[in-house]
Amino acid sequence: MDKRFTRALAIFSSIALLLALLPASVLSVAAEPDYPTIALNEEKVVMITTAGDMANFLFTPTEDGTYAFYSIADADTYGYLLDKNEEQLTYDDDGGEDSNFFIRWQMTANETYVLRAR
């Protein structure tokens, strides 16, 4: 067997072994959730008719700053703000008018957030 091929194969095997030892979280790149987007000052109308159902939207601010999200509904609504990995940052139940949610959060430009309503 050619020595150059043996060395290349040995190096390739070593790299493959190292990759196999790394935790999956290091190797995987988190993809953004596949939800519709919402833009600054855009109003979205959603119908949530079954308890536990949720509406999700992606929001990516273009500037650092404090942003607010709220609901206007006849029923009790809950709002959640999550990071792009869907880790909860904050939530609100009745901070808005009547039984509506109101979320205010300091956001970083070009970071994607998930707004969840139920």
C-alpha atoms as a PDB file:
ATOM      1  CA  MET A   1       0.000   0.000   0.000  1.00  0.00           C
ATOM      2  CA  ASP A   2       1.244   3.497  -0.838  1.00  0.00           C
ATOM      3  CA  LYS A   3       2.520   5.316   2.310  1.00  0.00           C
ATOM      4  CA  ARG A   4       0.912   8.637   1.285  1.00  0.00           C
ATOM      5  CA  PHE A   5      -2.481   6.929   1.082  1.00  0.00           C
ATOM      6  CA  THR A   6      -1.938   5.271   4.479  1.00  0.00           C
ATOM      7  CA  ARG A   7      -1.132   8.616   6.139  1.00  0.00           C
ATOM      8  CA  ALA A   8      -4.105  10.341   4.537  1.00  0.00           C
ATOM      9  CA  LEU A   9      -6.385   7.539   5.599  1.00  0.00           C
ATOM     10  CA  ALA A  10      -4.997   7.645   9.144  1.00  0.00           C
ATOM     11  CA  ILE A  11      -5.517  11.420   9.355  1.00  0.00           C
ATOM     12  CA  PHE A  12      -9.038  11.105   7.967  1.00  0.00           C
ATOM     13  CA  SER A  13      -9.817   8.371  10.486  1.00  0.00           C
ATOM     14  CA  SER A  14      -8.505  10.538  13.335  1.00  0.00           C
ATOM     15  CA  ILE A  15     -10.686  13.481  12.270  1.00  0.00           C
ATOM     16  CA  ALA A  16     -13.722  11.228  11.982  1.00  0.00           C
ATOM     17  CA  LEU A  17     -13.023   9.854  15.468  1.00  0.00           C
ATOM     18  CA  LEU A  18     -12.706  13.384  16.908  1.00  0.00           C
ATOM     19  CA  LEU A  19     -15.980  14.443  15.286  1.00  0.00           C
ATOM     20  CA  ALA A  20     -17.695  11.386  16.706  1.00  0.00           C
ATOM     21  CA  LEU A  21     -16.538  12.373  20.208  1.00  0.00           C
ATOM     22  CA  LEU A  22     -17.898  15.936  20.032  1.00  0.00           C
ATOM     23  CA  PRO A  23     -21.306  16.523  21.580  1.00  0.00           C
ATOM     24  CA  ALA A  24     -24.151  16.918  19.105  1.00  0.00           C
ATOM     25  CA  SER A  25     -24.743  20.502  20.278  1.00  0.00           C
ATOM     26  CA  VAL A  26     -21.294  21.507  18.979  1.00  0.00           C
ATOM     27  CA  LEU A  27     -21.874  19.936  15.579  1.00  0.00           C
ATOM     28  CA  SER A  28     -25.438  21.063  14.966  1.00  0.00           C
ATOM     29  CA  VAL A  29     -26.342  24.517  13.787  1.00  0.00           C
ATOM     30  CA  ALA A  30     -29.683  25.608  15.150  1.00  0.00           C
ATOM     31  CA  ALA A  31     -32.044  26.504  12.352  1.00  0.00           C
ATOM     32  CA  GLU A  32     -34.584  29.224  12.898  1.00  0.00           C
ATOM     33  CA  PRO A  33     -38.115  27.981  13.364  1.00  0.00           C
ATOM     34  CA  ASP A  34     -40.280  28.065  10.251  1.00  0.00           C
ATOM     35  CA  TYR A  35     -42.887  30.615  11.361  1.00  0.00           C
ATOM     36  CA  PRO A  36     -44.314  33.599   9.497  1.00  0.00           C
ATOM     37  CA  THR A  37     -42.614  36.914  10.156  1.00  0.00           C
ATOM     38  CA  ILE A  38     -43.983  40.050  11.704  1.00  0.00           C
ATOM     39  CA  ALA A  39     -42.514  43.466  10.933  1.00  0.00           C
ATOM     40  CA  LEU A  40     -42.276  46.617  12.995  1.00  0.00           C
ATOM     41  CA  ASN A  41     -45.719  48.276  13.302  1.00  0.00           C
ATOM     42  CA  GLU A  42     -47.395  45.372  11.510  1.00  0.00           C
ATOM     43  CA  GLU A  43     -50.667  44.047  12.879  1.00  0.00           C
ATOM     44  CA  LYS A  44     -51.455  40.347  12.572  1.00  0.00           C
ATOM     45  CA  VAL A  45     -54.947  38.938  12.958  1.00  0.00           C
ATOM     46  CA  VAL A  46     -55.058  35.355  14.186  1.00  0.00           C
ATOM     47  CA  MET A  47     -57.889  33.111  15.255  1.00  0.00           C
ATOM     48  CA  ILE A  48     -57.154  30.884  18.219  1.00  0.00           C
ATOM     49  CA  THR A  49     -60.290  28.885  18.816  1.00  0.00           C
ATOM     50  CA  THR A  50     -59.044  25.936  20.848  1.00  0.00           C
ATOM     51  CA  ALA A  51     -57.451  26.281  24.271  1.00  0.00           C
ATOM     52  CA  GLY A  52     -53.752  25.521  24.032  1.00  0.00           C
ATOM     53  CA  ASP A  53     -53.433  26.461  20.348  1.00  0.00           C
ATOM     54  CA  MET A  54     -50.706  28.987  19.586  1.00  0.00           C
ATOM     55  CA  ALA A  55     -49.737  31.496  16.936  1.00  0.00           C
ATOM     56  CA  ASN A  56     -46.005  32.010  16.371  1.00  0.00           C
ATOM     57  CA  PHE A  57     -44.213  34.819  14.548  1.00  0.00           C
ATOM     58  CA  LEU A  58     -40.561  35.624  13.898  1.00  0.00           C
ATOM     59  CA  PHE A  59     -39.393  39.171  14.575  1.00  0.00           C
ATOM     60  CA  THR A  60     -35.923  40.458  13.706  1.00  0.00           C
ATOM     61  CA  PRO A  61     -35.303  44.099  14.699  1.00  0.00           C
ATOM     62  CA  THR A  62     -33.023  46.189  12.514  1.00  0.00           C
ATOM     63  CA  GLU A  63     -31.944  48.385  15.442  1.00  0.00           C
ATOM     64  CA  ASP A  64     -31.140  47.803  19.103  1.00  0.00           C
ATOM     65  CA  GLY A  65     -33.957  49.063  21.285  1.00  0.00           C
ATOM     66  CA  THR A  66     -37.015  48.365  23.386  1.00  0.00           C
ATOM     67  CA  TYR A  67     -39.906  46.791  21.507  1.00  0.00           C
ATOM     68  CA  ALA A  68     -43.470  46.132  22.640  1.00  0.00           C
ATOM     69  CA  PHE A  69     -45.957  43.452  21.619  1.00  0.00           C
ATOM     70  CA  TYR A  70     -49.575  43.257  22.736  1.00  0.00           C
ATOM     71  CA  SER A  71     -52.858  41.557  22.038  1.00  0.00           C
ATOM     72  CA  ILE A  72     -56.372  42.903  21.592  1.00  0.00           C
ATOM     73  CA  ALA A  73     -58.918  40.142  22.164  1.00  0.00           C
ATOM     74  CA  ASP A  74     -62.153  39.339  23.899  1.00  0.00           C
ATOM     75  CA  ALA A  75     -60.655  36.230  25.499  1.00  0.00           C
ATOM     76  CA  ASP A  76     -57.781  35.865  27.951  1.00  0.00           C
ATOM     77  CA  THR A  77     -54.521  35.820  25.957  1.00  0.00           C
ATOM     78  CA  TYR A  78     -50.988  34.904  26.932  1.00  0.00           C
ATOM     79  CA  GLY A  79     -47.861  36.181  25.204  1.00  0.00           C
ATOM     80  CA  TYR A  80     -44.399  34.660  25.194  1.00  0.00           C
ATOM     81  CA  LEU A  81     -41.137  36.015  23.840  1.00  0.00           C
ATOM     82  CA  LEU A  82     -38.527  33.418  22.964  1.00  0.00           C
ATOM     83  CA  ASP A  83     -35.076  33.495  21.428  1.00  0.00           C
ATOM     84  CA  LYS A  84     -34.450  31.850  18.047  1.00  0.00           C
ATOM     85  CA  ASN A  85     -33.795  28.530  19.816  1.00  0.00           C
ATOM     86  CA  GLU A  86     -37.258  28.859  21.365  1.00  0.00           C
ATOM     87  CA  GLU A  87     -35.917  29.379  24.886  1.00  0.00           C
ATOM     88  CA  GLN A  88     -38.360  31.566  26.807  1.00  0.00           C
ATOM     89  CA  LEU A  89     -37.118  35.082  27.572  1.00  0.00           C
ATOM     90  CA  THR A  90     -40.298  36.444  29.147  1.00  0.00           C
ATOM     91  CA  TYR A  91     -44.066  36.080  29.117  1.00  0.00           C
ATOM     92  CA  ASP A  92     -47.151  38.019  30.110  1.00  0.00           C
ATOM     93  CA  ASP A  93     -50.748  37.162  30.890  1.00  0.00           C
ATOM     94  CA  ASP A  94     -52.795  40.229  31.791  1.00  0.00           C
ATOM     95  CA  GLY A  95     -50.346  43.148  31.447  1.00  0.00           C
ATOM     96  CA  GLY A  96     -52.409  44.741  28.678  1.00  0.00           C
ATOM     97  CA  GLU A  97     -55.995  45.961  28.699  1.00  0.00           C
ATOM     98  CA  ASP A  98     -58.548  43.589  30.187  1.00  0.00           C
ATOM     99  CA  SER A  99     -57.160  40.047  29.864  1.00  0.00           C
ATOM    100  CA  ASN A 100     -54.657  40.787  27.086  1.00  0.00           C
ATOM    101  CA  PHE A 101     -50.888  40.429  27.165  1.00  0.00           C
ATOM    102  CA  PHE A 102     -48.340  43.222  26.875  1.00  0.00           C
ATOM    103  CA  ILE A 103     -44.648  42.426  26.463  1.00  0.00           C
ATOM    104  CA  ARG A 104     -41.869  45.024  26.411  1.00  0.00           C
ATOM    105  CA  TRP A 105     -38.311  43.781  25.800  1.00  0.00           C
ATOM    106  CA  GLN A 106     -34.873  45.216  25.059  1.00  0.00           C
ATOM    107  CA  MET A 107     -33.796  43.601  21.768  1.00  0.00           C
ATOM    108  CA  THR A 108     -30.577  43.353  19.815  1.00  0.00           C
ATOM    109  CA  ALA A 109     -30.447  44.321  16.140  1.00  0.00           C
ATOM    110  CA  ASN A 110     -30.440  41.426  13.673  1.00  0.00           C
ATOM    111  CA  GLU A 111     -31.234  38.822  16.352  1.00  0.00           C
ATOM    112  CA  THR A 112     -34.353  36.787  15.627  1.00  0.00           C
ATOM    113  CA  TYR A 113     -37.020  36.410  18.295  1.00  0.00           C
ATOM    114  CA  VAL A 114     -40.182  34.316  18.396  1.00  0.00           C
ATOM    115  CA  LEU A 115     -43.415  35.943  19.531  1.00  0.00           C
ATOM    116  CA  ARG A 116     -45.893  33.298  20.681  1.00  0.00           C
ATOM    117  CA  ALA A 117     -49.527  34.013  21.498  1.00  0.00           C
ATOM    118  CA  ARG A 118     -52.107  31.662  22.961  1.00  0.00           C
END
